[in-house]
């Protein structure tokens, strides 16, 4: 499916169509990520409120939670990198 592009337009500007197609794929991916993020937040909010949290504070707590998770992931990645570097150095010696 060419989504509104005619065969004549495609033949005249194939690079333009490929660029447009890539933009559409990027847009669809962004929309998918945004929907997933909102779904994740709604799930967090339900748990947060069920455990006694204030619904008005849910967004701020979710952002803190995401930030904490990102920091923990960065620490894990750093530890793995350091471990690989030590291992590579010991093999080089």
PDB file of N, CA and C in Angstrom:
ATOM      1  N   UNK A   1       0.852  -1.187   0.000  1.00  0.00           N
ATOM      2  CA  UNK A   1       0.000   0.000   0.000  1.00  0.00           C
ATOM      3  C   UNK A   1       0.888   1.237   0.000  1.00  0.00           C
ATOM      4  N   UNK A   2       0.533   2.216  -0.787  1.00  0.00           N
ATOM      5  CA  UNK A   2       1.363   3.404  -0.931  1.00  0.00           C
ATOM      6  C   UNK A   2       0.838   4.594  -0.147  1.00  0.00           C
ATOM      7  N   UNK A   3      -0.284   4.456   0.525  1.00  0.00           N
ATOM      8  CA  UNK A   3      -0.827   5.511   1.385  1.00  0.00           C
ATOM      9  C   UNK A   3      -0.944   6.855   0.682  1.00  0.00           C
ATOM     10  N   UNK A   4      -1.600   6.852  -0.473  1.00  0.00           N
ATOM     11  CA  UNK A   4      -1.863   8.106  -1.164  1.00  0.00           C
ATOM     12  C   UNK A   4      -0.840   8.455  -2.232  1.00  0.00           C
ATOM     13  N   UNK A   5       0.244   7.740  -2.295  1.00  0.00           N
ATOM     14  CA  UNK A   5       1.229   7.983  -3.340  1.00  0.00           C
ATOM     15  C   UNK A   5       0.803   7.206  -4.581  1.00  0.00           C
ATOM     16  N   UNK A   6       0.754   7.889  -5.716  1.00  0.00           N
ATOM     17  CA  UNK A   6       0.422   7.204  -6.971  1.00  0.00           C
ATOM     18  C   UNK A   6       1.683   6.554  -7.529  1.00  0.00           C
ATOM     19  N   UNK A   7       1.487   5.608  -8.436  1.00  0.00           N
ATOM     20  CA  UNK A   7       2.644   4.973  -9.075  1.00  0.00           C
ATOM     21  C   UNK A   7       3.504   6.007  -9.791  1.00  0.00           C
ATOM     22  N   UNK A   8       2.859   6.976 -10.391  1.00  0.00           N
ATOM     23  CA  UNK A   8       3.588   8.031 -11.102  1.00  0.00           C
ATOM     24  C   UNK A   8       4.448   8.839 -10.123  1.00  0.00           C
ATOM     25  N   UNK A   9       3.879   9.184  -8.963  1.00  0.00           N
ATOM     26  CA  UNK A   9       4.632   9.924  -7.939  1.00  0.00           C
ATOM     27  C   UNK A   9       5.793   9.086  -7.409  1.00  0.00           C
ATOM     28  N   UNK A  10       5.527   7.797  -7.201  1.00  0.00           N
ATOM     29  CA  UNK A  10       6.586   6.905  -6.716  1.00  0.00           C
ATOM     30  C   UNK A  10       7.741   6.830  -7.709  1.00  0.00           C
ATOM     31  N   UNK A  11       7.417   6.719  -8.990  1.00  0.00           N
ATOM     32  CA  UNK A  11       8.459   6.647 -10.018  1.00  0.00           C
ATOM     33  C   UNK A  11       9.228   7.962 -10.115  1.00  0.00           C
ATOM     34  N   UNK A  12       8.527   9.068  -9.943  1.00  0.00           N
ATOM     35  CA  UNK A  12       9.166  10.382 -10.059  1.00  0.00           C
ATOM     36  C   UNK A  12      10.007  10.716  -8.833  1.00  0.00           C
ATOM     37  N   UNK A  13       9.633  10.194  -7.665  1.00  0.00           N
ATOM     38  CA  UNK A  13      10.320  10.578  -6.435  1.00  0.00           C
ATOM     39  C   UNK A  13      10.427   9.398  -5.471  1.00  0.00           C
ATOM     40  N   UNK A  14      11.166   8.353  -5.839  1.00  0.00           N
ATOM     41  CA  UNK A  14      11.259   7.190  -4.947  1.00  0.00           C
ATOM     42  C   UNK A  14      11.950   7.526  -3.618  1.00  0.00           C
ATOM     43  N   UNK A  15      12.941   8.412  -3.654  1.00  0.00           N
ATOM     44  CA  UNK A  15      13.629   8.788  -2.417  1.00  0.00           C
ATOM     45  C   UNK A  15      12.680   9.522  -1.477  1.00  0.00           C
ATOM     46  N   UNK A  16      11.836  10.362  -2.057  1.00  0.00           N
ATOM     47  CA  UNK A  16      10.854  11.090  -1.255  1.00  0.00           C
ATOM     48  C   UNK A  16       9.871  10.139  -0.590  1.00  0.00           C
ATOM     49  N   UNK A  17       9.454   9.123  -1.348  1.00  0.00           N
ATOM     50  CA  UNK A  17       8.538   8.146  -0.769  1.00  0.00           C
ATOM     51  C   UNK A  17       9.219   7.377   0.353  1.00  0.00           C
ATOM     52  N   UNK A  18      10.462   6.949   0.144  1.00  0.00           N
ATOM     53  CA  UNK A  18      11.175   6.214   1.188  1.00  0.00           C
ATOM     54  C   UNK A  18      11.378   7.079   2.429  1.00  0.00           C
ATOM     55  N   UNK A  19      11.681   8.359   2.228  1.00  0.00           N
ATOM     56  CA  UNK A  19      11.835   9.291   3.345  1.00  0.00           C
ATOM     57  C   UNK A  19      10.509   9.436   4.096  1.00  0.00           C
ATOM     58  N   UNK A  20       9.414   9.610   3.327  1.00  0.00           N
ATOM     59  CA  UNK A  20       8.090   9.725   3.927  1.00  0.00           C
ATOM     60  C   UNK A  20       7.749   8.458   4.695  1.00  0.00           C
ATOM     61  N   UNK A  21       8.038   7.305   4.098  1.00  0.00           N
ATOM     62  CA  UNK A  21       7.739   6.023   4.740  1.00  0.00           C
ATOM     63  C   UNK A  21       8.516   5.883   6.055  1.00  0.00           C
ATOM     64  N   UNK A  22       9.781   6.284   6.053  1.00  0.00           N
ATOM     65  CA  UNK A  22      10.598   6.217   7.264  1.00  0.00           C
ATOM     66  C   UNK A  22      10.034   7.155   8.344  1.00  0.00           C
ATOM     67  N   UNK A  23       9.607   8.341   7.936  1.00  0.00           N
ATOM     68  CA  UNK A  23       8.993   9.277   8.884  1.00  0.00           C
ATOM     69  C   UNK A  23       7.727   8.675   9.492  1.00  0.00           C
ATOM     70  N   UNK A  24       6.924   8.015   8.674  1.00  0.00           N
ATOM     71  CA  UNK A  24       5.694   7.390   9.163  1.00  0.00           C
ATOM     72  C   UNK A  24       6.007   6.272  10.148  1.00  0.00           C
ATOM     73  N   UNK A  25       7.046   5.500   9.855  1.00  0.00           N
ATOM     74  CA  UNK A  25       7.440   4.427  10.776  1.00  0.00           C
ATOM     75  C   UNK A  25       7.926   5.015  12.093  1.00  0.00           C
ATOM     76  N   UNK A  26       8.689   6.090  12.027  1.00  0.00           N
ATOM     77  CA  UNK A  26       9.160   6.761  13.242  1.00  0.00           C
ATOM     78  C   UNK A  26       7.996   7.305  14.056  1.00  0.00           C
ATOM     79  N   UNK A  27       7.034   7.887  13.367  1.00  0.00           N
ATOM     80  CA  UNK A  27       5.855   8.429  14.045  1.00  0.00           C
ATOM     81  C   UNK A  27       5.075   7.303  14.725  1.00  0.00           C
ATOM     82  N   UNK A  28       4.897   6.196  14.024  1.00  0.00           N
ATOM     83  CA  UNK A  28       4.167   5.060  14.592  1.00  0.00           C
ATOM     84  C   UNK A  28       4.906   4.507  15.813  1.00  0.00           C
ATOM     85  N   UNK A  29       6.224   4.447  15.752  1.00  0.00           N
ATOM     86  CA  UNK A  29       7.020   3.954  16.880  1.00  0.00           C
ATOM     87  C   UNK A  29       6.895   4.900  18.081  1.00  0.00           C
ATOM     88  N   UNK A  30       6.956   6.210  17.829  1.00  0.00           N
ATOM     89  CA  UNK A  30       6.789   7.178  18.922  1.00  0.00           C
ATOM     90  C   UNK A  30       5.413   7.039  19.564  1.00  0.00           C
ATOM     91  N   UNK A  31       4.392   6.897  18.742  1.00  0.00           N
ATOM     92  CA  UNK A  31       3.038   6.746  19.267  1.00  0.00           C
ATOM     93  C   UNK A  31       2.906   5.460  20.081  1.00  0.00           C
ATOM     94  N   UNK A  32       3.540   4.384  19.613  1.00  0.00           N
ATOM     95  CA  UNK A  32       3.509   3.123  20.345  1.00  0.00           C
ATOM     96  C   UNK A  32       4.191   3.269  21.695  1.00  0.00           C
ATOM     97  N   UNK A  33       5.346   3.931  21.708  1.00  0.00           N
ATOM     98  CA  UNK A  33       6.070   4.148  22.965  1.00  0.00           C
ATOM     99  C   UNK A  33       5.273   5.022  23.931  1.00  0.00           C
ATOM    100  N   UNK A  34       4.640   6.063  23.405  1.00  0.00           N
ATOM    101  CA  UNK A  34       3.823   6.934  24.256  1.00  0.00           C
ATOM    102  C   UNK A  34       2.646   6.170  24.851  1.00  0.00           C
ATOM    103  N   UNK A  35       2.000   5.333  24.049  1.00  0.00           N
ATOM    104  CA  UNK A  35       0.878   4.543  24.549  1.00  0.00           C
ATOM    105  C   UNK A  35       1.354   3.552  25.608  1.00  0.00           C
ATOM    106  N   UNK A  36       2.517   2.945  25.387  1.00  0.00           N
ATOM    107  CA  UNK A  36       3.066   2.005  26.365  1.00  0.00           C
ATOM    108  C   UNK A  36       3.410   2.735  27.661  1.00  0.00           C
ATOM    109  N   UNK A  37       3.988   3.915  27.539  1.00  0.00           N
ATOM    110  CA  UNK A  37       4.338   4.705  28.720  1.00  0.00           C
ATOM    111  C   UNK A  37       3.084   5.065  29.518  1.00  0.00           C
ATOM    112  N   UNK A  38       2.032   5.459  28.823  1.00  0.00           N
ATOM    113  CA  UNK A  38       0.787   5.818  29.510  1.00  0.00           C
ATOM    114  C   UNK A  38       0.172   4.586  30.171  1.00  0.00           C
ATOM    115  N   UNK A  39       0.231   3.456  29.504  1.00  0.00           N
ATOM    116  CA  UNK A  39      -0.272   2.206  30.085  1.00  0.00           C
ATOM    117  C   UNK A  39       0.526   1.839  31.338  1.00  0.00           C
ATOM    118  N   UNK A  40       1.852   1.983  31.250  1.00  0.00           N
ATOM    119  CA  UNK A  40       2.705   1.702  32.406  1.00  0.00           C
ATOM    120  C   UNK A  40       2.358   2.622  33.575  1.00  0.00           C
ATOM    121  N   UNK A  41       2.133   3.900  33.269  1.00  0.00           N
ATOM    122  CA  UNK A  41       1.770   4.841  34.322  1.00  0.00           C
ATOM    123  C   UNK A  41       0.438   4.460  34.967  1.00  0.00           C
ATOM    124  N   UNK A  42      -0.548   4.120  34.145  1.00  0.00           N
ATOM    125  CA  UNK A  42      -1.857   3.769  34.690  1.00  0.00           C
ATOM    126  C   UNK A  42      -1.753   2.548  35.607  1.00  0.00           C
ATOM    127  N   UNK A  43      -0.940   1.583  35.223  1.00  0.00           N
ATOM    128  CA  UNK A  43      -0.738   0.403  36.064  1.00  0.00           C
ATOM    129  C   UNK A  43      -0.058   0.802  37.378  1.00  0.00           C
ATOM    130  N   UNK A  44       0.985   1.648  37.286  1.00  0.00           N
ATOM    131  CA  UNK A  44       1.667   2.137  38.479  1.00  0.00           C
ATOM    132  C   UNK A  44       0.693   2.884  39.382  1.00  0.00           C
ATOM    133  N   UNK A  45      -0.118   3.742  38.771  1.00  0.00           N
ATOM    134  CA  UNK A  45      -1.066   4.558  39.543  1.00  0.00           C
ATOM    135  C   UNK A  45      -2.051   3.667  40.296  1.00  0.00           C
ATOM    136  N   UNK A  46      -2.573   2.639  39.638  1.00  0.00           N
ATOM    137  CA  UNK A  46      -3.510   1.734  40.315  1.00  0.00           C
ATOM    138  C   UNK A  46      -2.851   1.096  41.530  1.00  0.00           C
ATOM    139  N   UNK A  47      -1.633   0.598  41.357  1.00  0.00           N
ATOM    140  CA  UNK A  47      -0.926  -0.024  42.476  1.00  0.00           C
ATOM    141  C   UNK A  47      -0.630   0.996  43.574  1.00  0.00           C
ATOM    142  N   UNK A  48      -0.185   2.166  43.170  1.00  0.00           N
ATOM    143  CA  UNK A  48       0.161   3.233  44.103  1.00  0.00           C
ATOM    144  C   UNK A  48      -1.047   3.614  44.967  1.00  0.00           C
ATOM    145  N   UNK A  49      -2.180   3.812  44.326  1.00  0.00           N
ATOM    146  CA  UNK A  49      -3.401   4.207  45.044  1.00  0.00           C
ATOM    147  C   UNK A  49      -3.909   3.042  45.888  1.00  0.00           C
ATOM    148  N   UNK A  50      -3.866   1.830  45.341  1.00  0.00           N
ATOM    149  CA  UNK A  50      -4.316   0.651  46.106  1.00  0.00           C
ATOM    150  C   UNK A  50      -3.513   0.471  47.393  1.00  0.00           C
ATOM    151  N   UNK A  51      -2.273   0.923  47.362  1.00  0.00           N
ATOM    152  CA  UNK A  51      -1.419   0.783  48.545  1.00  0.00           C
ATOM    153  C   UNK A  51      -1.428   2.028  49.422  1.00  0.00           C
ATOM    154  N   UNK A  52      -2.407   2.897  49.201  1.00  0.00           N
ATOM    155  CA  UNK A  52      -2.593   4.044  50.080  1.00  0.00           C
ATOM    156  C   UNK A  52      -2.028   5.355  49.579  1.00  0.00           C
ATOM    157  N   UNK A  53      -1.503   5.390  48.361  1.00  0.00           N
ATOM    158  CA  UNK A  53      -0.943   6.632  47.831  1.00  0.00           C
ATOM    159  C   UNK A  53      -2.022   7.603  47.389  1.00  0.00           C
ATOM    160  N   UNK A  54      -1.665   8.868  47.387  1.00  0.00           N
ATOM    161  CA  UNK A  54      -2.574   9.930  46.952  1.00  0.00           C
ATOM    162  C   UNK A  54      -2.568   9.979  45.416  1.00  0.00           C
ATOM    163  N   UNK A  55      -3.739   9.848  44.791  1.00  0.00           N
ATOM    164  CA  UNK A  55      -3.784   9.882  43.324  1.00  0.00           C
ATOM    165  C   UNK A  55      -3.166  11.142  42.730  1.00  0.00           C
ATOM    166  N   UNK A  56      -3.259  12.265  43.457  1.00  0.00           N
ATOM    167  CA  UNK A  56      -2.694  13.524  42.963  1.00  0.00           C
ATOM    168  C   UNK A  56      -1.168  13.481  42.922  1.00  0.00           C
ATOM    169  N   UNK A  57      -0.557  12.583  43.677  1.00  0.00           N
ATOM    170  CA  UNK A  57       0.900  12.473  43.713  1.00  0.00           C
ATOM    171  C   UNK A  57       1.426  11.364  42.810  1.00  0.00           C
ATOM    172  N   UNK A  58       0.535  10.626  42.167  1.00  0.00           N
ATOM    173  CA  UNK A  58       0.936   9.452  41.396  1.00  0.00           C
ATOM    174  C   UNK A  58       1.903   9.793  40.274  1.00  0.00           C
ATOM    175  N   UNK A  59       1.662  10.855  39.528  1.00  0.00           N
ATOM    176  CA  UNK A  59       2.537  11.187  38.383  1.00  0.00           C
ATOM    177  C   UNK A  59       3.948  11.502  38.873  1.00  0.00           C
ATOM    178  N   UNK A  60       4.058  12.309  39.912  1.00  0.00           N
ATOM    179  CA  UNK A  60       5.385  12.659  40.442  1.00  0.00           C
ATOM    180  C   UNK A  60       6.102  11.422  40.966  1.00  0.00           C
ATOM    181  N   UNK A  61       5.379  10.551  41.635  1.00  0.00           N
ATOM    182  CA  UNK A  61       6.000   9.332  42.166  1.00  0.00           C
ATOM    183  C   UNK A  61       6.403   8.396  41.039  1.00  0.00           C
ATOM    184  N   UNK A  62       5.610   8.370  39.968  1.00  0.00           N
ATOM    185  CA  UNK A  62       5.954   7.540  38.814  1.00  0.00           C
ATOM    186  C   UNK A  62       7.239   8.046  38.159  1.00  0.00           C
ATOM    187  N   UNK A  63       7.365   9.361  38.027  1.00  0.00           N
ATOM    188  CA  UNK A  63       8.586   9.929  37.444  1.00  0.00           C
ATOM    189  C   UNK A  63       9.795   9.601  38.308  1.00  0.00           C
ATOM    190  N   UNK A  64       9.627   9.677  39.621  1.00  0.00           N
ATOM    191  CA  UNK A  64      10.714   9.323  40.529  1.00  0.00           C
ATOM    192  C   UNK A  64      11.059   7.844  40.382  1.00  0.00           C
ATOM    193  N   UNK A  65      10.042   7.015  40.333  1.00  0.00           N
ATOM    194  CA  UNK A  65      10.246   5.572  40.157  1.00  0.00           C
ATOM    195  C   UNK A  65      11.016   5.297  38.872  1.00  0.00           C
ATOM    196  N   UNK A  66      10.597   5.918  37.769  1.00  0.00           N
ATOM    197  CA  UNK A  66      11.283   5.716  36.475  1.00  0.00           C
ATOM    198  C   UNK A  66      12.725   6.209  36.542  1.00  0.00           C
ATOM    199  N   UNK A  67      12.932   7.328  37.198  1.00  0.00           N
ATOM    200  CA  UNK A  67      14.277   7.867  37.351  1.00  0.00           C
ATOM    201  C   UNK A  67      15.148   6.920  38.167  1.00  0.00           C
ATOM    202  N   UNK A  68      14.599   6.414  39.256  1.00  0.00           N
ATOM    203  CA  UNK A  68      15.337   5.459  40.092  1.00  0.00           C
ATOM    204  C   UNK A  68      15.679   4.193  39.310  1.00  0.00           C
ATOM    205  N   UNK A  69      14.739   3.716  38.511  1.00  0.00           N
ATOM    206  CA  UNK A  69      14.982   2.511  37.712  1.00  0.00           C
ATOM    207  C   UNK A  69      16.064   2.768  36.665  1.00  0.00           C
ATOM    208  N   UNK A  70      16.048   3.936  36.041  1.00  0.00           N
ATOM    209  CA  UNK A  70      17.059   4.273  35.047  1.00  0.00           C
ATOM    210  C   UNK A  70      18.436   4.370  35.689  1.00  0.00           C
ATOM    211  N   UNK A  71      18.495   4.958  36.877  1.00  0.00           N
ATOM    212  CA  UNK A  71      19.761   5.063  37.592  1.00  0.00           C
ATOM    213  C   UNK A  71      20.293   3.676  37.940  1.00  0.00           C
ATOM    214  N   UNK A  72      19.427   2.805  38.406  1.00  0.00           N
ATOM    215  CA  UNK A  72      19.841   1.439  38.746  1.00  0.00           C
ATOM    216  C   UNK A  72      20.330   0.693  37.507  1.00  0.00           C
ATOM    217  N   UNK A  73      19.664   0.869  36.393  1.00  0.00           N
ATOM    218  CA  UNK A  73      20.085   0.224  35.151  1.00  0.00           C
ATOM    219  C   UNK A  73      21.448   0.753  34.707  1.00  0.00           C
ATOM    220  N   UNK A  74      21.663   2.048  34.853  1.00  0.00           N
ATOM    221  CA  UNK A  74      22.963   2.629  34.500  1.00  0.00           C
ATOM    222  C   UNK A  74      24.059   2.068  35.397  1.00  0.00           C
ATOM    223  N   UNK A  75      23.775   1.906  36.664  1.00  0.00           N
ATOM    224  CA  UNK A  75      24.761   1.320  37.585  1.00  0.00           C
ATOM    225  C   UNK A  75      25.093  -0.116  37.187  1.00  0.00           C
ATOM    226  N   UNK A  76      24.061  -0.888  36.837  1.00  0.00           N
ATOM    227  CA  UNK A  76      24.294  -2.278  36.411  1.00  0.00           C
ATOM    228  C   UNK A  76      25.155  -2.325  35.156  1.00  0.00           C
ATOM    229  N   UNK A  77      24.838  -1.471  34.210  1.00  0.00           N
ATOM    230  CA  UNK A  77      25.603  -1.428  32.965  1.00  0.00           C
ATOM    231  C   UNK A  77      27.051  -1.030  33.243  1.00  0.00           C
ATOM    232  N   UNK A  78      27.243  -0.072  34.135  1.00  0.00           N
ATOM    233  CA  UNK A  78      28.590   0.354  34.503  1.00  0.00           C
ATOM    234  C   UNK A  78      29.365  -0.798  35.140  1.00  0.00           C
ATOM    235  N   UNK A  79      28.719  -1.527  36.037  1.00  0.00           N
ATOM    236  CA  UNK A  79      29.373  -2.666  36.697  1.00  0.00           C
ATOM    237  C   UNK A  79      29.746  -3.734  35.674  1.00  0.00           C
ATOM    238  N   UNK A  80      28.854  -4.007  34.726  1.00  0.00           N
ATOM    239  CA  UNK A  80      29.147  -4.998  33.690  1.00  0.00           C
ATOM    240  C   UNK A  80      30.330  -4.554  32.836  1.00  0.00           C
ATOM    241  N   UNK A  81      30.350  -3.283  32.489  1.00  0.00           N
ATOM    242  CA  UNK A  81      31.445  -2.758  31.672  1.00  0.00           C
ATOM    243  C   UNK A  81      32.763  -2.858  32.423  1.00  0.00           C
ATOM    244  N   UNK A  82      32.752  -2.489  33.690  1.00  0.00           N
ATOM    245  CA  UNK A  82      33.971  -2.580  34.490  1.00  0.00           C
ATOM    246  C   UNK A  82      34.446  -4.031  34.604  1.00  0.00           C
ATOM    247  N   UNK A  83      33.504  -4.942  34.790  1.00  0.00           N
ATOM    248  CA  UNK A  83      33.858  -6.354  34.873  1.00  0.00           C
ATOM    249  C   UNK A  83      34.470  -6.862  33.580  1.00  0.00           C
ATOM    250  N   UNK A  84      33.896  -6.469  32.452  1.00  0.00           N
ATOM    251  CA  UNK A  84      34.454  -6.871  31.151  1.00  0.00           C
ATOM    252  C   UNK A  84      35.833  -6.282  30.941  1.00  0.00           C
ATOM    253  N   UNK A  85      36.020  -5.024  31.361  1.00  0.00           N
ATOM    254  CA  UNK A  85      37.333  -4.379  31.191  1.00  0.00           C
ATOM    255  C   UNK A  85      38.376  -5.100  32.023  1.00  0.00           C
ATOM    256  N   UNK A  86      38.027  -5.458  33.255  1.00  0.00           N
ATOM    257  CA  UNK A  86      38.970  -6.201  34.100  1.00  0.00           C
ATOM    258  C   UNK A  86      39.303  -7.551  33.467  1.00  0.00           C
ATOM    259  N   UNK A  87      38.292  -8.211  32.967  1.00  0.00           N
ATOM    260  CA  UNK A  87      38.484  -9.508  32.347  1.00  0.00           C
ATOM    261  C   UNK A  87      39.367  -9.383  31.098  1.00  0.00           C
ATOM    262  N   UNK A  88      39.104  -8.362  30.288  1.00  0.00           N
ATOM    263  CA  UNK A  88      39.912  -8.145  29.076  1.00  0.00           C
ATOM    264  C   UNK A  88      41.362  -7.843  29.424  1.00  0.00           C
ATOM    265  N   UNK A  89      41.573  -7.045  30.479  1.00  0.00           N
ATOM    266  CA  UNK A  89      42.934  -6.724  30.906  1.00  0.00           C
ATOM    267  C   UNK A  89      43.666  -7.958  31.396  1.00  0.00           C
ATOM    268  N   UNK A  90      42.962  -8.805  32.161  1.00  0.00           N
ATOM    269  CA  UNK A  90      43.637  -9.987  32.694  1.00  0.00           C
ATOM    270  C   UNK A  90      43.980 -10.968  31.584  1.00  0.00           C
ATOM    271  N   UNK A  91      43.181 -11.034  30.541  1.00  0.00           N
ATOM    272  CA  UNK A  91      43.514 -11.905  29.400  1.00  0.00           C
ATOM    273  C   UNK A  91      44.660 -11.352  28.588  1.00  0.00           C
ATOM    274  N   UNK A  92      44.771 -10.022  28.563  1.00  0.00           N
ATOM    275  CA  UNK A  92      45.836  -9.381  27.772  1.00  0.00           C
ATOM    276  C   UNK A  92      47.197  -9.560  28.427  1.00  0.00           C
ATOM    277  N   UNK A  93      47.227  -9.781  29.726  1.00  0.00           N
ATOM    278  CA  UNK A  93      48.488  -9.892  30.440  1.00  0.00           C
ATOM    279  C   UNK A  93      49.069 -11.227  30.309  1.00  0.00           C
TER     280      UNK A  93
END
